[in-house]
Structures are given as structure tokens and as C-alpha cells.
């Protein structure tokens, strides 16, 4: 995953009360961002 994706995932996971995922490739990170955005209504 890219640096910006990692940063955004960390922020979203924090808002969702979850641990940020690690070790993802770019497409996996994109899916994780989409899932967390749904959970946090962003």
C-alpha cells in the first residue's frame, strides 16, 4: 500500500475503533478504505 493509503487507513480505523490493517497491497488497502469509510460514514 502507498504511504497516503496507510495514513488514511490509520485515521479511519481509529475513528471506527479498530486496529489499522497492515501488510496490504494497494488493491487490498483500497478495499479496506472503502469498508472503513462505510463504517464511519465518510
PDB file of N, CA and C in Angstrom:
ATOM      1  N   UNK A   1       0.845  -1.179   0.000  1.00  0.00           N
ATOM      2  CA  UNK A   1       0.000   0.000   0.000  1.00  0.00           C
ATOM      3  C   UNK A   1       0.881   1.229   0.000  1.00  0.00           C
ATOM      4  N   UNK A   2       0.314   2.303  -0.464  1.00  0.00           N
ATOM      5  CA  UNK A   2       1.077   3.548  -0.530  1.00  0.00           C
ATOM      6  C   UNK A   2       1.092   4.228   0.842  1.00  0.00           C
ATOM      7  N   UNK A   3       1.970   5.184   0.999  1.00  0.00           N
ATOM      8  CA  UNK A   3       2.043   5.942   2.249  1.00  0.00           C
ATOM      9  C   UNK A   3       0.744   6.657   2.575  1.00  0.00           C
ATOM     10  N   UNK A   4       0.149   7.362   1.591  1.00  0.00           N
ATOM     11  CA  UNK A   4      -1.128   8.021   1.871  1.00  0.00           C
ATOM     12  C   UNK A   4      -2.240   7.036   2.239  1.00  0.00           C
ATOM     13  N   UNK A   5      -2.260   5.877   1.594  1.00  0.00           N
ATOM     14  CA  UNK A   5      -3.277   4.874   1.939  1.00  0.00           C
ATOM     15  C   UNK A   5      -3.090   4.422   3.385  1.00  0.00           C
ATOM     16  N   UNK A   6      -1.855   4.170   3.778  1.00  0.00           N
ATOM     17  CA  UNK A   6      -1.581   3.720   5.143  1.00  0.00           C
ATOM     18  C   UNK A   6      -2.023   4.770   6.156  1.00  0.00           C
ATOM     19  N   UNK A   7      -1.733   6.019   5.863  1.00  0.00           N
ATOM     20  CA  UNK A   7      -2.118   7.103   6.760  1.00  0.00           C
ATOM     21  C   UNK A   7      -3.631   7.215   6.872  1.00  0.00           C
ATOM     22  N   UNK A   8      -4.313   7.144   5.730  1.00  0.00           N
ATOM     23  CA  UNK A   8      -5.770   7.261   5.724  1.00  0.00           C
ATOM     24  C   UNK A   8      -6.403   6.063   6.420  1.00  0.00           C
ATOM     25  N   UNK A   9      -5.862   4.864   6.191  1.00  0.00           N
ATOM     26  CA  UNK A   9      -6.375   3.675   6.873  1.00  0.00           C
ATOM     27  C   UNK A   9      -6.224   3.803   8.381  1.00  0.00           C
ATOM     28  N   UNK A  10      -5.104   4.335   8.819  1.00  0.00           N
ATOM     29  CA  UNK A  10      -4.888   4.512  10.253  1.00  0.00           C
ATOM     30  C   UNK A  10      -5.920   5.471  10.840  1.00  0.00           C
ATOM     31  N   UNK A  11      -6.174   6.565  10.147  1.00  0.00           N
ATOM     32  CA  UNK A  11      -7.166   7.533  10.605  1.00  0.00           C
ATOM     33  C   UNK A  11      -8.563   6.926  10.650  1.00  0.00           C
ATOM     34  N   UNK A  12      -8.949   6.254   9.570  1.00  0.00           N
ATOM     35  CA  UNK A  12     -10.283   5.652   9.523  1.00  0.00           C
ATOM     36  C   UNK A  12     -10.446   4.558  10.573  1.00  0.00           C
ATOM     37  N   UNK A  13      -9.428   3.734  10.741  1.00  0.00           N
ATOM     38  CA  UNK A  13      -9.506   2.659  11.734  1.00  0.00           C
ATOM     39  C   UNK A  13      -9.657   3.235  13.133  1.00  0.00           C
ATOM     40  N   UNK A  14      -8.938   4.308  13.400  1.00  0.00           N
ATOM     41  CA  UNK A  14      -9.042   4.962  14.709  1.00  0.00           C
ATOM     42  C   UNK A  14     -10.464   5.470  14.932  1.00  0.00           C
ATOM     43  N   UNK A  15     -11.050   6.078  13.906  1.00  0.00           N
ATOM     44  CA  UNK A  15     -12.413   6.586  14.028  1.00  0.00           C
ATOM     45  C   UNK A  15     -13.423   5.456  14.189  1.00  0.00           C
ATOM     46  N   UNK A  16     -13.130   4.302  13.604  1.00  0.00           N
ATOM     47  CA  UNK A  16     -14.038   3.155  13.702  1.00  0.00           C
ATOM     48  C   UNK A  16     -13.787   2.335  14.961  1.00  0.00           C
ATOM     49  N   UNK A  17     -12.750   2.694  15.719  1.00  0.00           N
ATOM     50  CA  UNK A  17     -12.428   1.953  16.936  1.00  0.00           C
ATOM     51  C   UNK A  17     -11.792   0.612  16.647  1.00  0.00           C
ATOM     52  N   UNK A  18     -11.071   0.511  15.549  1.00  0.00           N
ATOM     53  CA  UNK A  18     -10.435  -0.738  15.149  1.00  0.00           C
ATOM     54  C   UNK A  18      -8.933  -0.550  15.009  1.00  0.00           C
ATOM     55  N   UNK A  19      -8.234  -1.670  14.948  1.00  0.00           N
ATOM     56  CA  UNK A  19      -6.805  -1.631  14.668  1.00  0.00           C
ATOM     57  C   UNK A  19      -6.614  -1.449  13.167  1.00  0.00           C
ATOM     58  N   UNK A  20      -5.689  -0.599  12.749  1.00  0.00           N
ATOM     59  CA  UNK A  20      -5.455  -0.430  11.310  1.00  0.00           C
ATOM     60  C   UNK A  20      -4.842  -1.693  10.710  1.00  0.00           C
ATOM     61  N   UNK A  21      -5.287  -2.080   9.531  1.00  0.00           N
ATOM     62  CA  UNK A  21      -4.705  -3.260   8.891  1.00  0.00           C
ATOM     63  C   UNK A  21      -3.284  -2.974   8.432  1.00  0.00           C
ATOM     64  N   UNK A  22      -2.473  -4.007   8.393  1.00  0.00           N
ATOM     65  CA  UNK A  22      -1.087  -3.862   7.950  1.00  0.00           C
ATOM     66  C   UNK A  22      -0.779  -4.919   6.901  1.00  0.00           C
ATOM     67  N   UNK A  23       0.278  -4.689   6.145  1.00  0.00           N
ATOM     68  CA  UNK A  23       0.740  -5.668   5.183  1.00  0.00           C
ATOM     69  C   UNK A  23      -0.152  -5.850   3.968  1.00  0.00           C
ATOM     70  N   UNK A  24      -0.910  -4.828   3.605  1.00  0.00           N
ATOM     71  CA  UNK A  24      -1.816  -4.927   2.468  1.00  0.00           C
ATOM     72  C   UNK A  24      -1.149  -4.420   1.197  1.00  0.00           C
ATOM     73  N   UNK A  25      -1.578  -4.971   0.049  1.00  0.00           N
ATOM     74  CA  UNK A  25      -1.128  -4.390  -1.205  1.00  0.00           C
ATOM     75  C   UNK A  25      -2.067  -3.233  -1.548  1.00  0.00           C
ATOM     76  N   UNK A  26      -1.827  -2.572  -2.657  1.00  0.00           N
ATOM     77  CA  UNK A  26      -2.607  -1.365  -2.977  1.00  0.00           C
ATOM     78  C   UNK A  26      -4.089  -1.658  -3.160  1.00  0.00           C
ATOM     79  N   UNK A  27      -4.441  -2.749  -3.833  1.00  0.00           N
ATOM     80  CA  UNK A  27      -5.864  -3.044  -4.047  1.00  0.00           C
ATOM     81  C   UNK A  27      -6.543  -3.473  -2.748  1.00  0.00           C
ATOM     82  N   UNK A  28      -5.843  -4.224  -1.909  1.00  0.00           N
ATOM     83  CA  UNK A  28      -6.408  -4.613  -0.618  1.00  0.00           C
ATOM     84  C   UNK A  28      -6.620  -3.385   0.263  1.00  0.00           C
ATOM     85  N   UNK A  29      -5.678  -2.471   0.221  1.00  0.00           N
ATOM     86  CA  UNK A  29      -5.805  -1.242   1.010  1.00  0.00           C
ATOM     87  C   UNK A  29      -6.994  -0.427   0.526  1.00  0.00           C
ATOM     88  N   UNK A  30      -7.193  -0.380  -0.777  1.00  0.00           N
ATOM     89  CA  UNK A  30      -8.327   0.357  -1.336  1.00  0.00           C
ATOM     90  C   UNK A  30      -9.645  -0.242  -0.848  1.00  0.00           C
ATOM     91  N   UNK A  31      -9.744  -1.560  -0.842  1.00  0.00           N
ATOM     92  CA  UNK A  31     -10.962  -2.218  -0.349  1.00  0.00           C
ATOM     93  C   UNK A  31     -11.161  -1.949   1.140  1.00  0.00           C
ATOM     94  N   UNK A  32     -10.077  -2.008   1.912  1.00  0.00           N
ATOM     95  CA  UNK A  32     -10.169  -1.749   3.346  1.00  0.00           C
ATOM     96  C   UNK A  32     -10.620  -0.317   3.609  1.00  0.00           C
ATOM     97  N   UNK A  33     -10.125   0.626   2.815  1.00  0.00           N
ATOM     98  CA  UNK A  33     -10.552   2.024   2.940  1.00  0.00           C
ATOM     99  C   UNK A  33     -12.047   2.133   2.668  1.00  0.00           C
ATOM    100  N   UNK A  34     -12.525   1.486   1.612  1.00  0.00           N
ATOM    101  CA  UNK A  34     -13.957   1.523   1.288  1.00  0.00           C
ATOM    102  C   UNK A  34     -14.793   0.964   2.430  1.00  0.00           C
ATOM    103  N   UNK A  35     -14.361  -0.158   3.002  1.00  0.00           N
ATOM    104  CA  UNK A  35     -15.106  -0.775   4.108  1.00  0.00           C
ATOM    105  C   UNK A  35     -15.131   0.131   5.337  1.00  0.00           C
ATOM    106  N   UNK A  36     -13.980   0.708   5.672  1.00  0.00           N
ATOM    107  CA  UNK A  36     -13.929   1.577   6.844  1.00  0.00           C
ATOM    108  C   UNK A  36     -14.699   2.873   6.624  1.00  0.00           C
ATOM    109  N   UNK A  37     -14.692   3.364   5.395  1.00  0.00           N
ATOM    110  CA  UNK A  37     -15.467   4.588   5.099  1.00  0.00           C
ATOM    111  C   UNK A  37     -16.957   4.328   5.322  1.00  0.00           C
ATOM    112  N   UNK A  38     -17.430   3.129   4.973  1.00  0.00           N
ATOM    113  CA  UNK A  38     -18.831   2.790   5.206  1.00  0.00           C
ATOM    114  C   UNK A  38     -19.128   2.733   6.696  1.00  0.00           C
ATOM    115  N   UNK A  39     -18.205   2.168   7.460  1.00  0.00           N
ATOM    116  CA  UNK A  39     -18.403   2.051   8.910  1.00  0.00           C
ATOM    117  C   UNK A  39     -18.414   3.410   9.604  1.00  0.00           C
ATOM    118  N   UNK A  40     -17.621   4.344   9.067  1.00  0.00           N
ATOM    119  CA  UNK A  40     -17.518   5.657   9.720  1.00  0.00           C
ATOM    120  C   UNK A  40     -18.378   6.704   9.027  1.00  0.00           C
ATOM    121  N   UNK A  41     -19.121   6.299   8.010  1.00  0.00           N
ATOM    122  CA  UNK A  41     -19.993   7.208   7.249  1.00  0.00           C
ATOM    123  C   UNK A  41     -19.227   8.362   6.634  1.00  0.00           C
ATOM    124  N   UNK A  42     -18.047   8.094   6.072  1.00  0.00           N
ATOM    125  CA  UNK A  42     -17.240   9.134   5.434  1.00  0.00           C
ATOM    126  C   UNK A  42     -17.193   8.875   3.966  1.00  0.00           C
TER     127      UNK A  42
END
